Amino acid sequence: QVDLVESGGGLAQIGGSLRLSCEASGRITSIYDMGWYRQAPGKQRELVAKIANRGTTEYEDSVKGRFTISRDNAKNTVYLQMNALNSEDTAVYFCYAEVVSGLRDLELWGQGTLVTVSS
């Protein structure tokens, strides 16, 4: 079994920063893409950022220049540094990872962590 465990959500002020972490644990052979999605109340889940195992990144337009995704392959962990937060960043953030576990290809999701940005 492989799990994703997120941490780092919470309350931030407008213009503030938060850092999310997500660690994959269990029987892991390799991990391809890792990333973060978010879902705001009444809206569909959307991709925020993703990072390939060799470091190529992709960002949703509204977070470019404010958010930075990174990963530590030795720790099977992906991070999301969020700066210059605004109220539209308020959402539940979900980590995901494309994991190879033995002979199985898995698409895994974390439990979600709430980020609330307010004045």
PDB file of N, CA and C in Angstrom:
ATOM      1  N   GLN A   1       0.838  -1.195   0.000  1.00  0.00           N
ATOM      2  CA  GLN A   1       0.000   0.000   0.000  1.00  0.00           C
ATOM      3  C   GLN A   1       0.873   1.245   0.000  1.00  0.00           C
ATOM      4  N   VAL A   2       0.436   2.252  -0.722  1.00  0.00           N
ATOM      5  CA  VAL A   2       1.156   3.527  -0.778  1.00  0.00           C
ATOM      6  C   VAL A   2       0.198   4.631  -0.378  1.00  0.00           C
ATOM      7  N   ASP A   3       0.655   5.521   0.460  1.00  0.00           N
ATOM      8  CA  ASP A   3      -0.169   6.640   0.925  1.00  0.00           C
ATOM      9  C   ASP A   3       0.516   7.967   0.650  1.00  0.00           C
ATOM     10  N   LEU A   4      -0.299   8.995   0.525  1.00  0.00           N
ATOM     11  CA  LEU A   4       0.192  10.373   0.450  1.00  0.00           C
ATOM     12  C   LEU A   4      -0.310  11.110   1.677  1.00  0.00           C
ATOM     13  N   VAL A   5       0.600  11.751   2.365  1.00  0.00           N
ATOM     14  CA  VAL A   5       0.230  12.497   3.573  1.00  0.00           C
ATOM     15  C   VAL A   5       0.651  13.944   3.389  1.00  0.00           C
ATOM     16  N   GLU A   6      -0.340  14.827   3.494  1.00  0.00           N
ATOM     17  CA  GLU A   6      -0.110  16.254   3.304  1.00  0.00           C
ATOM     18  C   GLU A   6       0.031  16.964   4.641  1.00  0.00           C
ATOM     19  N   SER A   7       0.713  18.091   4.602  1.00  0.00           N
ATOM     20  CA  SER A   7       0.789  18.953   5.765  1.00  0.00           C
ATOM     21  C   SER A   7       1.049  20.376   5.305  1.00  0.00           C
ATOM     22  N   GLY A   8       0.789  21.328   6.203  1.00  0.00           N
ATOM     23  CA  GLY A   8       1.171  22.705   5.938  1.00  0.00           C
ATOM     24  C   GLY A   8       0.054  23.664   5.622  1.00  0.00           C
ATOM     25  N   GLY A   9      -1.172  23.205   5.518  1.00  0.00           N
ATOM     26  CA  GLY A   9      -2.265  24.131   5.258  1.00  0.00           C
ATOM     27  C   GLY A   9      -2.573  24.962   6.492  1.00  0.00           C
ATOM     28  N   GLY A  10      -3.544  25.849   6.343  1.00  0.00           N
ATOM     29  CA  GLY A  10      -3.942  26.674   7.471  1.00  0.00           C
ATOM     30  C   GLY A  10      -4.418  28.035   7.019  1.00  0.00           C
ATOM     31  N   LEU A  11      -4.318  28.975   7.937  1.00  0.00           N
ATOM     32  CA  LEU A  11      -4.810  30.325   7.709  1.00  0.00           C
ATOM     33  C   LEU A  11      -3.649  31.268   7.399  1.00  0.00           C
ATOM     34  N   ALA A  12      -3.824  32.079   6.366  1.00  0.00           N
ATOM     35  CA  ALA A  12      -2.824  33.078   6.021  1.00  0.00           C
ATOM     36  C   ALA A  12      -3.516  34.399   5.708  1.00  0.00           C
ATOM     37  N   GLN A  13      -2.781  35.455   5.877  1.00  0.00           N
ATOM     38  CA  GLN A  13      -3.308  36.773   5.523  1.00  0.00           C
ATOM     39  C   GLN A  13      -3.048  37.045   4.047  1.00  0.00           C
ATOM     40  N   ILE A  14      -3.845  37.933   3.492  1.00  0.00           N
ATOM     41  CA  ILE A  14      -3.609  38.356   2.117  1.00  0.00           C
ATOM     42  C   ILE A  14      -2.188  38.911   2.008  1.00  0.00           C
ATOM     43  N   GLY A  15      -1.466  38.431   0.999  1.00  0.00           N
ATOM     44  CA  GLY A  15      -0.077  38.817   0.825  1.00  0.00           C
ATOM     45  C   GLY A  15       0.902  37.926   1.560  1.00  0.00           C
ATOM     46  N   GLY A  16       0.390  37.017   2.360  1.00  0.00           N
ATOM     47  CA  GLY A  16       1.248  36.145   3.148  1.00  0.00           C
ATOM     48  C   GLY A  16       1.694  34.910   2.385  1.00  0.00           C
ATOM     49  N   SER A  17       2.314  33.991   3.117  1.00  0.00           N
ATOM     50  CA  SER A  17       2.886  32.786   2.522  1.00  0.00           C
ATOM     51  C   SER A  17       2.523  31.555   3.328  1.00  0.00           C
ATOM     52  N   LEU A  18       2.462  30.443   2.628  1.00  0.00           N
ATOM     53  CA  LEU A  18       2.327  29.129   3.248  1.00  0.00           C
ATOM     54  C   LEU A  18       3.130  28.132   2.431  1.00  0.00           C
ATOM     55  N   ARG A  19       3.531  27.049   3.077  1.00  0.00           N
ATOM     56  CA  ARG A  19       4.238  25.990   2.379  1.00  0.00           C
ATOM     57  C   ARG A  19       3.543  24.663   2.650  1.00  0.00           C
ATOM     58  N   LEU A  20       3.162  23.995   1.583  1.00  0.00           N
ATOM     59  CA  LEU A  20       2.541  22.680   1.687  1.00  0.00           C
ATOM     60  C   LEU A  20       3.577  21.602   1.402  1.00  0.00           C
ATOM     61  N   SER A  21       3.423  20.488   2.104  1.00  0.00           N
ATOM     62  CA  SER A  21       4.286  19.327   1.872  1.00  0.00           C
ATOM     63  C   SER A  21       3.421  18.100   1.674  1.00  0.00           C
ATOM     64  N   CYS A  22       3.935  17.168   0.911  1.00  0.00           N
ATOM     65  CA  CYS A  22       3.220  15.910   0.687  1.00  0.00           C
ATOM     66  C   CYS A  22       4.248  14.805   0.522  1.00  0.00           C
ATOM     67  N   GLU A  23       4.173  13.821   1.413  1.00  0.00           N
ATOM     68  CA  GLU A  23       5.117  12.708   1.383  1.00  0.00           C
ATOM     69  C   GLU A  23       4.412  11.425   0.985  1.00  0.00           C
ATOM     70  N   ALA A  24       5.009  10.726   0.056  1.00  0.00           N
ATOM     71  CA  ALA A  24       4.520   9.405  -0.322  1.00  0.00           C
ATOM     72  C   ALA A  24       5.280   8.351   0.473  1.00  0.00           C
ATOM     73  N   SER A  25       4.545   7.384   0.998  1.00  0.00           N
ATOM     74  CA  SER A  25       5.188   6.334   1.783  1.00  0.00           C
ATOM     75  C   SER A  25       4.575   4.990   1.434  1.00  0.00           C
ATOM     76  N   GLY A  26       5.361   3.946   1.655  1.00  0.00           N
ATOM     77  CA  GLY A  26       4.894   2.603   1.355  1.00  0.00           C
ATOM     78  C   GLY A  26       5.818   1.924   0.366  1.00  0.00           C
ATOM     79  N   ARG A  27       5.270   0.957  -0.353  1.00  0.00           N
ATOM     80  CA  ARG A  27       6.051   0.191  -1.302  1.00  0.00           C
ATOM     81  C   ARG A  27       6.125   0.981  -2.615  1.00  0.00           C
ATOM     82  N   ILE A  28       7.179   1.760  -2.758  1.00  0.00           N
ATOM     83  CA  ILE A  28       7.338   2.635  -3.907  1.00  0.00           C
ATOM     84  C   ILE A  28       8.516   2.184  -4.748  1.00  0.00           C
ATOM     85  N   THR A  29       8.236   1.916  -6.002  1.00  0.00           N
ATOM     86  CA  THR A  29       9.310   1.580  -6.936  1.00  0.00           C
ATOM     87  C   THR A  29       9.841   2.851  -7.590  1.00  0.00           C
ATOM     88  N   SER A  30       8.930   3.670  -8.049  1.00  0.00           N
ATOM     89  CA  SER A  30       9.316   4.962  -8.619  1.00  0.00           C
ATOM     90  C   SER A  30       8.093   5.877  -8.618  1.00  0.00           C
ATOM     91  N   ILE A  31       8.367   7.172  -8.766  1.00  0.00           N
ATOM     92  CA  ILE A  31       7.304   8.165  -8.841  1.00  0.00           C
ATOM     93  C   ILE A  31       7.530   9.032 -10.069  1.00  0.00           C
ATOM     94  N   TYR A  32       6.526   9.176 -10.872  1.00  0.00           N
ATOM     95  CA  TYR A  32       6.606  10.043 -12.039  1.00  0.00           C
ATOM     96  C   TYR A  32       6.155  11.448 -11.654  1.00  0.00           C
ATOM     97  N   ASP A  33       5.078  11.935 -12.215  1.00  0.00           N
ATOM     98  CA  ASP A  33       4.619  13.281 -11.866  1.00  0.00           C
ATOM     99  C   ASP A  33       4.101  13.343 -10.434  1.00  0.00           C
ATOM    100  N   MET A  34       4.380  14.465  -9.799  1.00  0.00           N
ATOM    101  CA  MET A  34       3.753  14.810  -8.526  1.00  0.00           C
ATOM    102  C   MET A  34       3.189  16.217  -8.681  1.00  0.00           C
ATOM    103  N   GLY A  35       2.175  16.517  -7.914  1.00  0.00           N
ATOM    104  CA  GLY A  35       1.628  17.850  -8.073  1.00  0.00           C
ATOM    105  C   GLY A  35       0.545  18.185  -7.078  1.00  0.00           C
ATOM    106  N   TRP A  36      -0.054  19.321  -7.308  1.00  0.00           N
ATOM    107  CA  TRP A  36      -1.100  19.843  -6.428  1.00  0.00           C
ATOM    108  C   TRP A  36      -2.289  20.314  -7.260  1.00  0.00           C
ATOM    109  N   TYR A  37      -3.466  19.924  -6.807  1.00  0.00           N
ATOM    110  CA  TYR A  37      -4.724  20.447  -7.310  1.00  0.00           C
ATOM    111  C   TYR A  37      -5.391  21.207  -6.175  1.00  0.00           C
ATOM    112  N   ARG A  38      -6.373  22.007  -6.513  1.00  0.00           N
ATOM    113  CA  ARG A  38      -7.164  22.663  -5.477  1.00  0.00           C
ATOM    114  C   ARG A  38      -8.618  22.724  -5.903  1.00  0.00           C
ATOM    115  N   GLN A  39      -9.466  22.798  -4.892  1.00  0.00           N
ATOM    116  CA  GLN A  39     -10.897  22.908  -5.137  1.00  0.00           C
ATOM    117  C   GLN A  39     -11.487  23.928  -4.183  1.00  0.00           C
ATOM    118  N   ALA A  40     -11.978  25.007  -4.759  1.00  0.00           N
ATOM    119  CA  ALA A  40     -12.634  26.043  -3.972  1.00  0.00           C
ATOM    120  C   ALA A  40     -14.123  25.719  -3.875  1.00  0.00           C
ATOM    121  N   PRO A  41     -14.799  26.262  -2.881  1.00  0.00           N
ATOM    122  CA  PRO A  41     -16.235  26.001  -2.722  1.00  0.00           C
ATOM    123  C   PRO A  41     -17.017  26.327  -3.986  1.00  0.00           C
ATOM    124  N   GLY A  42     -17.810  25.379  -4.451  1.00  0.00           N
ATOM    125  CA  GLY A  42     -18.640  25.606  -5.615  1.00  0.00           C
ATOM    126  C   GLY A  42     -17.919  25.551  -6.945  1.00  0.00           C
ATOM    127  N   LYS A  43     -16.643  25.184  -6.919  1.00  0.00           N
ATOM    128  CA  LYS A  43     -15.866  25.148  -8.161  1.00  0.00           C
ATOM    129  C   LYS A  43     -15.300  23.758  -8.397  1.00  0.00           C
ATOM    130  N   GLN A  44     -14.893  23.521  -9.625  1.00  0.00           N
ATOM    131  CA  GLN A  44     -14.281  22.244  -9.959  1.00  0.00           C
ATOM    132  C   GLN A  44     -12.833  22.212  -9.482  1.00  0.00           C
ATOM    133  N   ARG A  45     -12.347  20.996  -9.283  1.00  0.00           N
ATOM    134  CA  ARG A  45     -10.944  20.833  -8.930  1.00  0.00           C
ATOM    135  C   ARG A  45     -10.079  21.246 -10.106  1.00  0.00           C
ATOM    136  N   GLU A  46      -9.015  21.999  -9.825  1.00  0.00           N
ATOM    137  CA  GLU A  46      -8.143  22.476 -10.888  1.00  0.00           C
ATOM    138  C   GLU A  46      -6.687  22.207 -10.550  1.00  0.00           C
ATOM    139  N   LEU A  47      -5.892  22.011 -11.592  1.00  0.00           N
ATOM    140  CA  LEU A  47      -4.467  21.819 -11.396  1.00  0.00           C
ATOM    141  C   LEU A  47      -3.830  23.134 -10.977  1.00  0.00           C
ATOM    142  N   VAL A  48      -3.028  23.090  -9.945  1.00  0.00           N
ATOM    143  CA  VAL A  48      -2.271  24.264  -9.511  1.00  0.00           C
ATOM    144  C   VAL A  48      -0.859  24.209 -10.083  1.00  0.00           C
ATOM    145  N   ALA A  49      -0.194  23.089  -9.866  1.00  0.00           N
ATOM    146  CA  ALA A  49       1.172  22.935 -10.342  1.00  0.00           C
ATOM    147  C   ALA A  49       1.525  21.462 -10.325  1.00  0.00           C
ATOM    148  N   LYS A  50       2.437  21.093 -11.230  1.00  0.00           N
ATOM    149  CA  LYS A  50       2.932  19.728 -11.225  1.00  0.00           C
ATOM    150  C   LYS A  50       4.402  19.734 -11.595  1.00  0.00           C
ATOM    151  N   ILE A  51       5.076  18.650 -11.197  1.00  0.00           N
ATOM    152  CA  ILE A  51       6.506  18.545 -11.435  1.00  0.00           C
ATOM    153  C   ILE A  51       6.832  17.108 -11.806  1.00  0.00           C
ATOM    154  N   ALA A  52       7.578  16.957 -12.889  1.00  0.00           N
ATOM    155  CA  ALA A  52       7.990  15.637 -13.324  1.00  0.00           C
ATOM    156  C   ALA A  52       9.185  15.162 -12.489  1.00  0.00           C
ATOM    157  N   ASN A  53       9.496  13.872 -12.618  1.00  0.00           N
ATOM    158  CA  ASN A  53      10.553  13.337 -11.757  1.00  0.00           C
ATOM    159  C   ASN A  53      11.920  13.932 -12.075  1.00  0.00           C
ATOM    160  N   ARG A  54      12.095  14.505 -13.262  1.00  0.00           N
ATOM    161  CA  ARG A  54      13.361  15.153 -13.593  1.00  0.00           C
ATOM    162  C   ARG A  54      13.311  16.659 -13.395  1.00  0.00           C
ATOM    163  N   GLY A  55      12.175  17.170 -12.869  1.00  0.00           N
ATOM    164  CA  GLY A  55      12.118  18.563 -12.466  1.00  0.00           C
ATOM    165  C   GLY A  55      11.353  19.514 -13.359  1.00  0.00           C
ATOM    166  N   THR A  56      10.871  19.053 -14.489  1.00  0.00           N
ATOM    167  CA  THR A  56      10.075  19.933 -15.352  1.00  0.00           C
ATOM    168  C   THR A  56       8.786  20.321 -14.633  1.00  0.00           C
ATOM    169  N   THR A  57       8.472  21.605 -14.667  1.00  0.00           N
ATOM    170  CA  THR A  57       7.308  22.094 -13.928  1.00  0.00           C
ATOM    171  C   THR A  57       6.262  22.705 -14.860  1.00  0.00           C
ATOM    172  N   GLU A  58       5.054  22.742 -14.333  1.00  0.00           N
ATOM    173  CA  GLU A  58       3.936  23.371 -15.048  1.00  0.00           C
ATOM    174  C   GLU A  58       3.064  24.043 -14.010  1.00  0.00           C
ATOM    175  N   TYR A  59       2.570  25.249 -14.315  1.00  0.00           N
ATOM    176  CA  TYR A  59       1.763  26.007 -13.370  1.00  0.00           C
ATOM    177  C   TYR A  59       0.471  26.499 -14.019  1.00  0.00           C
ATOM    178  N   GLU A  60      -0.555  26.586 -13.200  1.00  0.00           N
ATOM    179  CA  GLU A  60      -1.781  27.253 -13.619  1.00  0.00           C
ATOM    180  C   GLU A  60      -1.480  28.754 -13.723  1.00  0.00           C
ATOM    181  N   ASP A  61      -2.091  29.420 -14.693  1.00  0.00           N
ATOM    182  CA  ASP A  61      -1.712  30.806 -14.985  1.00  0.00           C
ATOM    183  C   ASP A  61      -1.805  31.735 -13.779  1.00  0.00           C
ATOM    184  N   SER A  62      -2.819  31.590 -12.960  1.00  0.00           N
ATOM    185  CA  SER A  62      -3.032  32.553 -11.875  1.00  0.00           C
ATOM    186  C   SER A  62      -1.996  32.445 -10.762  1.00  0.00           C
ATOM    187  N   VAL A  63      -1.223  31.368 -10.725  1.00  0.00           N
ATOM    188  CA  VAL A  63      -0.239  31.210  -9.654  1.00  0.00           C
ATOM    189  C   VAL A  63       1.187  31.413 -10.142  1.00  0.00           C
ATOM    190  N   LYS A  64       1.361  31.576 -11.445  1.00  0.00           N
ATOM    191  CA  LYS A  64       2.716  31.771 -11.983  1.00  0.00           C
ATOM    192  C   LYS A  64       3.359  32.998 -11.357  1.00  0.00           C
ATOM    193  N   GLY A  65       4.599  32.842 -10.927  1.00  0.00           N
ATOM    194  CA  GLY A  65       5.316  33.934 -10.289  1.00  0.00           C
ATOM    195  C   GLY A  65       5.059  34.064  -8.810  1.00  0.00           C
ATOM    196  N   ARG A  66       4.042  33.343  -8.305  1.00  0.00           N
ATOM    197  CA  ARG A  66       3.729  33.417  -6.870  1.00  0.00           C
ATOM    198  C   ARG A  66       3.984  32.076  -6.170  1.00  0.00           C
ATOM    199  N   PHE A  67       3.695  30.989  -6.850  1.00  0.00           N
ATOM    200  CA  PHE A  67       3.844  29.651  -6.269  1.00  0.00           C
ATOM    201  C   PHE A  67       5.052  28.955  -6.903  1.00  0.00           C
ATOM    202  N   THR A  68       5.715  28.146  -6.100  1.00  0.00           N
ATOM    203  CA  THR A  68       6.840  27.354  -6.598  1.00  0.00           C
ATOM    204  C   THR A  68       6.676  25.911  -6.136  1.00  0.00           C
ATOM    205  N   ILE A  69       6.695  25.000  -7.086  1.00  0.00           N
ATOM    206  CA  ILE A  69       6.632  23.579  -6.756  1.00  0.00           C
ATOM    207  C   ILE A  69       8.035  22.996  -6.832  1.00  0.00           C
ATOM    208  N   SER A  70       8.341  22.110  -5.905  1.00  0.00           N
ATOM    209  CA  SER A  70       9.636  21.430  -5.899  1.00  0.00           C
ATOM    210  C   SER A  70       9.433  20.029  -5.331  1.00  0.00           C
ATOM    211  N   ARG A  71      10.447  19.199  -5.495  1.00  0.00           N
ATOM    212  CA  ARG A  71      10.347  17.850  -4.951  1.00  0.00           C
ATOM    213  C   ARG A  71      11.708  17.374  -4.504  1.00  0.00           C
ATOM    214  N   ASP A  72      11.675  16.480  -3.531  1.00  0.00           N
ATOM    215  CA  ASP A  72      12.877  15.811  -3.040  1.00  0.00           C
ATOM    216  C   ASP A  72      12.668  14.327  -3.321  1.00  0.00           C
ATOM    217  N   ASN A  73      13.291  13.831  -4.365  1.00  0.00           N
ATOM    218  CA  ASN A  73      13.060  12.447  -4.769  1.00  0.00           C
ATOM    219  C   ASN A  73      13.572  11.451  -3.724  1.00  0.00           C
ATOM    220  N   ALA A  74      14.600  11.823  -3.000  1.00  0.00           N
ATOM    221  CA  ALA A  74      15.123  10.928  -1.964  1.00  0.00           C
ATOM    222  C   ALA A  74      14.122  10.753  -0.828  1.00  0.00           C
ATOM    223  N   LYS A  75      13.276  11.751  -0.630  1.00  0.00           N
ATOM    224  CA  LYS A  75      12.272  11.709   0.440  1.00  0.00           C
ATOM    225  C   LYS A  75      10.865  11.431  -0.092  1.00  0.00           C
ATOM    226  N   ASN A  76      10.744  11.241  -1.407  1.00  0.00           N
ATOM    227  CA  ASN A  76       9.417  11.015  -2.012  1.00  0.00           C
ATOM    228  C   ASN A  76       8.430  12.108  -1.604  1.00  0.00           C
ATOM    229  N   THR A  77       8.899  13.318  -1.613  1.00  0.00           N
ATOM    230  CA  THR A  77       8.115  14.441  -1.104  1.00  0.00           C
ATOM    231  C   THR A  77       8.039  15.562  -2.135  1.00  0.00           C
ATOM    232  N   VAL A  78       6.867  16.152  -2.241  1.00  0.00           N
ATOM    233  CA  VAL A  78       6.661  17.317  -3.095  1.00  0.00           C
ATOM    234  C   VAL A  78       6.226  18.484  -2.206  1.00  0.00           C
ATOM    235  N   TYR A  79       6.664  19.664  -2.587  1.00  0.00           N
ATOM    236  CA  TYR A  79       6.386  20.873  -1.822  1.00  0.00           C
ATOM    237  C   TYR A  79       5.698  21.904  -2.726  1.00  0.00           C
ATOM    238  N   LEU A  80       4.926  22.770  -2.094  1.00  0.00           N
ATOM    239  CA  LEU A  80       4.348  23.896  -2.803  1.00  0.00           C
ATOM    240  C   LEU A  80       4.541  25.137  -1.933  1.00  0.00           C
ATOM    241  N   GLN A  81       5.445  25.995  -2.354  1.00  0.00           N
ATOM    242  CA  GLN A  81       5.658  27.271  -1.673  1.00  0.00           C
ATOM    243  C   GLN A  81       4.711  28.284  -2.284  1.00  0.00           C
ATOM    244  N   MET A  82       3.845  28.849  -1.455  1.00  0.00           N
ATOM    245  CA  MET A  82       2.837  29.786  -1.927  1.00  0.00           C
ATOM    246  C   MET A  82       3.097  31.155  -1.326  1.00  0.00           C
ATOM    247  N   ASN A  83       3.401  32.117  -2.169  1.00  0.00           N
ATOM    248  CA  ASN A  83       3.659  33.489  -1.745  1.00  0.00           C
ATOM    249  C   ASN A  83       2.611  34.436  -2.327  1.00  0.00           C
ATOM    250  N   ALA A  84       2.567  35.631  -1.792  1.00  0.00           N
ATOM    251  CA  ALA A  84       1.624  36.656  -2.276  1.00  0.00           C
ATOM    252  C   ALA A  84       0.215  36.093  -2.391  1.00  0.00           C
ATOM    253  N   LEU A  85      -0.215  35.420  -1.338  1.00  0.00           N
ATOM    254  CA  LEU A  85      -1.531  34.781  -1.354  1.00  0.00           C
ATOM    255  C   LEU A  85      -2.638  35.815  -1.445  1.00  0.00           C
ATOM    256  N   ASN A  86      -3.700  35.451  -2.140  1.00  0.00           N
ATOM    257  CA  ASN A  86      -4.888  36.295  -2.186  1.00  0.00           C
ATOM    258  C   ASN A  86      -6.118  35.454  -1.887  1.00  0.00           C
ATOM    259  N   SER A  87      -7.246  36.098  -1.773  1.00  0.00           N
ATOM    260  CA  SER A  87      -8.460  35.404  -1.331  1.00  0.00           C
ATOM    261  C   SER A  87      -8.878  34.316  -2.315  1.00  0.00           C
ATOM    262  N   GLU A  88      -8.524  34.478  -3.573  1.00  0.00           N
ATOM    263  CA  GLU A  88      -8.896  33.466  -4.571  1.00  0.00           C
ATOM    264  C   GLU A  88      -8.075  32.190  -4.450  1.00  0.00           C
ATOM    265  N   ASP A  89      -7.063  32.204  -3.605  1.00  0.00           N
ATOM    266  CA  ASP A  89      -6.282  30.991  -3.363  1.00  0.00           C
ATOM    267  C   ASP A  89      -6.926  30.115  -2.283  1.00  0.00           C
ATOM    268  N   THR A  90      -7.956  30.624  -1.636  1.00  0.00           N
ATOM    269  CA  THR A  90      -8.652  29.838  -0.617  1.00  0.00           C
ATOM    270  C   THR A  90      -9.289  28.607  -1.251  1.00  0.00           C
ATOM    271  N   ALA A  91      -8.910  27.438  -0.754  1.00  0.00           N
ATOM    272  CA  ALA A  91      -9.392  26.187  -1.329  1.00  0.00           C
ATOM    273  C   ALA A  91      -8.854  25.032  -0.499  1.00  0.00           C
ATOM    274  N   VAL A  92      -9.365  23.848  -0.793  1.00  0.00           N
ATOM    275  CA  VAL A  92      -8.737  22.631  -0.292  1.00  0.00           C
ATOM    276  C   VAL A  92      -7.710  22.204  -1.333  1.00  0.00           C
ATOM    277  N   TYR A  93      -6.502  21.992  -0.899  1.00  0.00           N
ATOM    278  CA  TYR A  93      -5.409  21.613  -1.783  1.00  0.00           C
ATOM    279  C   TYR A  93      -5.151  20.115  -1.650  1.00  0.00           C
ATOM    280  N   PHE A  94      -5.079  19.454  -2.795  1.00  0.00           N
ATOM    281  CA  PHE A  94      -4.877  18.016  -2.839  1.00  0.00           C
ATOM    282  C   PHE A  94      -3.557  17.698  -3.538  1.00  0.00           C
ATOM    283  N   CYS A  95      -2.783  16.873  -2.896  1.00  0.00           N
ATOM    284  CA  CYS A  95      -1.559  16.363  -3.498  1.00  0.00           C
ATOM    285  C   CYS A  95      -1.905  15.153  -4.355  1.00  0.00           C
ATOM    286  N   TYR A  96      -1.166  14.965  -5.439  1.00  0.00           N
ATOM    287  CA  TYR A  96      -1.322  13.728  -6.191  1.00  0.00           C
ATOM    288  C   TYR A  96       0.046  13.247  -6.666  1.00  0.00           C
ATOM    289  N   ALA A  97       0.114  11.966  -6.959  1.00  0.00           N
ATOM    290  CA  ALA A  97       1.363  11.388  -7.432  1.00  0.00           C
ATOM    291  C   ALA A  97       1.073  10.187  -8.312  1.00  0.00           C
ATOM    292  N   GLU A  98       1.870  10.041  -9.344  1.00  0.00           N
ATOM    293  CA  GLU A  98       1.805   8.865 -10.218  1.00  0.00           C
ATOM    294  C   GLU A  98       2.908   7.928  -9.753  1.00  0.00           C
ATOM    295  N   VAL A  99       2.496   6.858  -9.109  1.00  0.00           N
ATOM    296  CA  VAL A  99       3.442   5.979  -8.414  1.00  0.00           C
ATOM    297  C   VAL A  99       3.463   4.601  -9.061  1.00  0.00           C
ATOM    298  N   VAL A 100       4.666   4.078  -9.205  1.00  0.00           N
ATOM    299  CA  VAL A 100       4.823   2.671  -9.577  1.00  0.00           C
ATOM    300  C   VAL A 100       5.143   1.907  -8.300  1.00  0.00           C
ATOM    301  N   SER A 101       4.288   0.929  -7.989  1.00  0.00           N
ATOM    302  CA  SER A 101       4.471   0.104  -6.800  1.00  0.00           C
ATOM    303  C   SER A 101       4.541  -1.343  -7.261  1.00  0.00           C
ATOM    304  N   GLY A 102       5.739  -1.894  -7.306  1.00  0.00           N
ATOM    305  CA  GLY A 102       5.895  -3.227  -7.861  1.00  0.00           C
ATOM    306  C   GLY A 102       5.538  -3.220  -9.332  1.00  0.00           C
ATOM    307  N   LEU A 103       4.526  -3.992  -9.692  1.00  0.00           N
ATOM    308  CA  LEU A 103       4.078  -4.060 -11.086  1.00  0.00           C
ATOM    309  C   LEU A 103       2.850  -3.199 -11.334  1.00  0.00           C
ATOM    310  N   ARG A 104       2.434  -2.416 -10.328  1.00  0.00           N
ATOM    311  CA  ARG A 104       1.213  -1.626 -10.459  1.00  0.00           C
ATOM    312  C   ARG A 104       1.521  -0.152 -10.675  1.00  0.00           C
ATOM    313  N   ASP A 105       0.746   0.439 -11.580  1.00  0.00           N
ATOM    314  CA  ASP A 105       0.787   1.889 -11.776  1.00  0.00           C
ATOM    315  C   ASP A 105      -0.388   2.497 -11.024  1.00  0.00           C
ATOM    316  N   LEU A 106      -0.091   3.415 -10.125  1.00  0.00           N
ATOM    317  CA  LEU A 106      -1.119   3.991  -9.256  1.00  0.00           C
ATOM    318  C   LEU A 106      -1.192   5.497  -9.436  1.00  0.00           C
ATOM    319  N   GLU A 107      -2.403   6.025  -9.429  1.00  0.00           N
ATOM    320  CA  GLU A 107      -2.591   7.476  -9.333  1.00  0.00           C
ATOM    321  C   GLU A 107      -3.185   7.739  -7.952  1.00  0.00           C
ATOM    322  N   LEU A 108      -2.409   8.398  -7.103  1.00  0.00           N
ATOM    323  CA  LEU A 108      -2.794   8.549  -5.699  1.00  0.00           C
ATOM    324  C   LEU A 108      -3.122   9.994  -5.376  1.00  0.00           C
ATOM    325  N   TRP A 109      -4.021  10.148  -4.421  1.00  0.00           N
ATOM    326  CA  TRP A 109      -4.425  11.470  -3.962  1.00  0.00           C
ATOM    327  C   TRP A 109      -4.275  11.554  -2.450  1.00  0.00           C
ATOM    328  N   GLY A 110      -3.874  12.722  -1.984  1.00  0.00           N
ATOM    329  CA  GLY A 110      -3.862  12.976  -0.559  1.00  0.00           C
ATOM    330  C   GLY A 110      -5.255  13.286  -0.052  1.00  0.00           C
ATOM    331  N   GLN A 111      -5.347  13.462   1.252  1.00  0.00           N
ATOM    332  CA  GLN A 111      -6.653  13.673   1.874  1.00  0.00           C
ATOM    333  C   GLN A 111      -7.144  15.099   1.733  1.00  0.00           C
ATOM    334  N   GLY A 112      -6.276  15.981   1.354  1.00  0.00           N
ATOM    335  CA  GLY A 112      -6.641  17.385   1.197  1.00  0.00           C
ATOM    336  C   GLY A 112      -6.270  18.189   2.424  1.00  0.00           C
ATOM    337  N   THR A 113      -5.804  19.392   2.190  1.00  0.00           N
ATOM    338  CA  THR A 113      -5.485  20.306   3.287  1.00  0.00           C
ATOM    339  C   THR A 113      -6.068  21.675   2.952  1.00  0.00           C
ATOM    340  N   LEU A 114      -6.741  22.259   3.938  1.00  0.00           N
ATOM    341  CA  LEU A 114      -7.448  23.516   3.711  1.00  0.00           C
ATOM    342  C   LEU A 114      -6.507  24.702   3.836  1.00  0.00           C
ATOM    343  N   VAL A 115      -6.558  25.567   2.841  1.00  0.00           N
ATOM    344  CA  VAL A 115      -5.837  26.837   2.863  1.00  0.00           C
ATOM    345  C   VAL A 115      -6.880  27.950   2.844  1.00  0.00           C
ATOM    346  N   THR A 116      -6.835  28.790   3.853  1.00  0.00           N
ATOM    347  CA  THR A 116      -7.768  29.907   3.946  1.00  0.00           C
ATOM    348  C   THR A 116      -6.970  31.202   3.963  1.00  0.00           C
ATOM    349  N   VAL A 117      -7.287  32.083   3.032  1.00  0.00           N
ATOM    350  CA  VAL A 117      -6.603  33.371   2.945  1.00  0.00           C
ATOM    351  C   VAL A 117      -7.611  34.467   3.237  1.00  0.00           C
ATOM    352  N   SER A 118      -7.308  35.260   4.241  1.00  0.00           N
ATOM    353  CA  SER A 118      -8.255  36.314   4.604  1.00  0.00           C
ATOM    354  C   SER A 118      -7.502  37.565   5.032  1.00  0.00           C
ATOM    355  N   SER A 119      -8.250  38.635   5.125  1.00  0.00           N
ATOM    356  CA  SER A 119      -7.651  39.885   5.581  1.00  0.00           C
ATOM    357  C   SER A 119      -7.788  40.032   7.081  1.00  0.00           C
TER     358      SER A 119
END
